[in-house]
C-alpha atoms as a PDB file:
ATOM      1  CA  UNK A   1     -78.000 -53.698 -63.604  1.00  0.00           C
ATOM      2  CA  UNK A   2     -79.016 -50.636 -61.640  1.00  0.00           C
ATOM      3  CA  UNK A   3     -80.572 -47.814 -63.633  1.00  0.00           C
ATOM      4  CA  UNK A   4     -79.673 -44.409 -62.274  1.00  0.00           C
ATOM      5  CA  UNK A   5     -81.347 -41.207 -63.278  1.00  0.00           C
ATOM      6  CA  UNK A   6     -78.177 -39.121 -63.130  1.00  0.00           C
ATOM      7  CA  UNK A   7     -79.904 -36.319 -65.042  1.00  0.00           C
ATOM      8  CA  UNK A   8     -81.812 -35.491 -61.837  1.00  0.00           C
ATOM      9  CA  UNK A   9     -78.588 -34.247 -60.234  1.00  0.00           C
ATOM     10  CA  UNK A  10     -78.566 -30.469 -60.758  1.00  0.00           C
ATOM     11  CA  UNK A  11     -74.762 -30.404 -60.550  1.00  0.00           C
ATOM     12  CA  UNK A  12     -74.342 -32.890 -63.424  1.00  0.00           C
ATOM     13  CA  UNK A  13     -71.762 -31.708 -65.941  1.00  0.00           C
ATOM     14  CA  UNK A  14     -69.645 -33.090 -68.732  1.00  0.00           C
ATOM     15  CA  UNK A  15     -66.788 -33.359 -66.256  1.00  0.00           C
ATOM     16  CA  UNK A  16     -68.752 -35.292 -63.613  1.00  0.00           C
ATOM     17  CA  UNK A  17     -70.446 -37.598 -66.116  1.00  0.00           C
ATOM     18  CA  UNK A  18     -67.185 -38.428 -67.867  1.00  0.00           C
ATOM     19  CA  UNK A  19     -65.680 -39.275 -64.468  1.00  0.00           C
ATOM     20  CA  UNK A  20     -68.652 -41.549 -63.668  1.00  0.00           C
ATOM     21  CA  UNK A  21     -68.228 -43.316 -67.000  1.00  0.00           C
ATOM     22  CA  UNK A  22     -64.460 -43.430 -66.657  1.00  0.00           C
ATOM     23  CA  UNK A  23     -63.841 -41.730 -69.991  1.00  0.00           C
ATOM     24  CA  UNK A  24     -62.540 -38.356 -71.064  1.00  0.00           C
ATOM     25  CA  UNK A  25     -64.681 -35.296 -71.655  1.00  0.00           C
ATOM     26  CA  UNK A  26     -63.803 -34.898 -75.329  1.00  0.00           C
ATOM     27  CA  UNK A  27     -64.775 -38.474 -76.166  1.00  0.00           C
ATOM     28  CA  UNK A  28     -68.067 -38.233 -74.262  1.00  0.00           C
ATOM     29  CA  UNK A  29     -68.906 -34.912 -75.886  1.00  0.00           C
ATOM     30  CA  UNK A  30     -68.206 -36.323 -79.351  1.00  0.00           C
ATOM     31  CA  UNK A  31     -70.335 -39.419 -78.702  1.00  0.00           C
ATOM     32  CA  UNK A  32     -73.284 -37.353 -77.468  1.00  0.00           C
ATOM     33  CA  UNK A  33     -73.028 -34.998 -80.442  1.00  0.00           C
ATOM     34  CA  UNK A  34     -72.751 -37.837 -82.945  1.00  0.00           C
ATOM     35  CA  UNK A  35     -75.570 -40.035 -81.629  1.00  0.00           C
ATOM     36  CA  UNK A  36     -77.999 -37.456 -80.278  1.00  0.00           C
ATOM     37  CA  UNK A  37     -77.291 -34.448 -82.489  1.00  0.00           C
ATOM     38  CA  UNK A  38     -76.956 -32.062 -79.571  1.00  0.00           C
ATOM     39  CA  UNK A  39     -74.601 -31.216 -76.740  1.00  0.00           C
ATOM     40  CA  UNK A  40     -74.740 -32.842 -73.310  1.00  0.00           C
ATOM     41  CA  UNK A  41     -76.550 -29.924 -71.671  1.00  0.00           C
ATOM     42  CA  UNK A  42     -79.326 -30.069 -74.269  1.00  0.00           C
ATOM     43  CA  UNK A  43     -79.613 -33.844 -73.907  1.00  0.00           C
ATOM     44  CA  UNK A  44     -79.769 -33.685 -70.115  1.00  0.00           C
ATOM     45  CA  UNK A  45     -82.339 -30.889 -70.228  1.00  0.00           C
ATOM     46  CA  UNK A  46     -84.495 -32.954 -72.597  1.00  0.00           C
ATOM     47  CA  UNK A  47     -84.487 -35.841 -70.124  1.00  0.00           C
ATOM     48  CA  UNK A  48     -85.263 -33.433 -67.278  1.00  0.00           C
ATOM     49  CA  UNK A  49     -88.183 -31.861 -69.128  1.00  0.00           C
ATOM     50  CA  UNK A  50     -89.615 -35.288 -69.997  1.00  0.00           C
ATOM     51  CA  UNK A  51     -89.332 -36.260 -66.330  1.00  0.00           C
ATOM     52  CA  UNK A  52     -91.020 -32.983 -65.323  1.00  0.00           C
ATOM     53  CA  UNK A  53     -93.872 -33.752 -67.724  1.00  0.00           C
ATOM     54  CA  UNK A  54     -94.297 -37.150 -66.055  1.00  0.00           C
ATOM     55  CA  UNK A  55     -94.431 -35.462 -62.653  1.00  0.00           C
ATOM     56  CA  UNK A  56     -97.042 -33.006 -63.931  1.00  0.00           C
ATOM     57  CA  UNK A  57     -99.171 -35.802 -65.408  1.00  0.00           C
ATOM     58  CA  UNK A  58     -98.995 -37.880 -62.237  1.00  0.00           C
ATOM     59  CA  UNK A  59    -100.368 -35.098 -60.054  1.00  0.00           C
ATOM     60  CA  UNK A  60     -98.321 -36.439 -57.124  1.00  0.00           C
ATOM     61  CA  UNK A  61     -95.886 -33.546 -56.987  1.00  0.00           C
ATOM     62  CA  UNK A  62     -96.761 -29.938 -56.137  1.00  0.00           C
ATOM     63  CA  UNK A  63     -96.123 -27.744 -59.185  1.00  0.00           C
ATOM     64  CA  UNK A  64     -93.708 -25.474 -57.315  1.00  0.00           C
ATOM     65  CA  UNK A  65     -91.458 -28.487 -56.563  1.00  0.00           C
ATOM     66  CA  UNK A  66     -91.222 -29.763 -60.138  1.00  0.00           C
ATOM     67  CA  UNK A  67     -88.208 -27.672 -61.270  1.00  0.00           C
ATOM     68  CA  UNK A  68     -86.036 -28.902 -58.395  1.00  0.00           C
ATOM     69  CA  UNK A  69     -87.327 -32.497 -58.423  1.00  0.00           C
ATOM     70  CA  UNK A  70     -86.640 -32.780 -62.143  1.00  0.00           C
ATOM     71  CA  UNK A  71     -82.999 -31.761 -61.769  1.00  0.00           C
ATOM     72  CA  UNK A  72     -83.059 -28.043 -62.412  1.00  0.00           C
ATOM     73  CA  UNK A  73     -81.518 -25.918 -59.700  1.00  0.00           C
ATOM     74  CA  UNK A  74     -84.296 -23.341 -59.827  1.00  0.00           C
ATOM     75  CA  UNK A  75     -87.357 -22.209 -61.767  1.00  0.00           C
ATOM     76  CA  UNK A  76     -85.601 -19.958 -64.279  1.00  0.00           C
ATOM     77  CA  UNK A  77     -83.514 -22.612 -66.091  1.00  0.00           C
ATOM     78  CA  UNK A  78     -86.518 -24.948 -65.919  1.00  0.00           C
ATOM     79  CA  UNK A  79     -88.741 -22.454 -67.751  1.00  0.00           C
ATOM     80  CA  UNK A  80     -86.091 -21.820 -70.421  1.00  0.00           C
ATOM     81  CA  UNK A  81     -85.449 -25.538 -71.016  1.00  0.00           C
ATOM     82  CA  UNK A  82     -89.158 -26.416 -70.948  1.00  0.00           C
ATOM     83  CA  UNK A  83     -89.828 -23.812 -73.627  1.00  0.00           C
ATOM     84  CA  UNK A  84     -86.976 -25.059 -75.828  1.00  0.00           C
ATOM     85  CA  UNK A  85     -87.933 -28.721 -75.531  1.00  0.00           C
ATOM     86  CA  UNK A  86     -91.703 -28.376 -75.867  1.00  0.00           C
ATOM     87  CA  UNK A  87     -91.712 -25.482 -78.338  1.00  0.00           C
END
């Protein structure tokens, strides 16, 4: 089974993920809320921030590239999400 890191796609949305999983948006949203206690955007951003932390620890990625390589479209949403996830 291939493991895909779909959270790295900056255009990922409830609509695109539900299409990938061949389910409807309402069902997917309810499942995420029930099992993770947050909405899809928060869940995806948590995965992205954890991936960004791995990139930072590895030292193999220039710091200025981390927001884009971790799935954020730009620095601004990266900084907001990083602050929310890490406190």
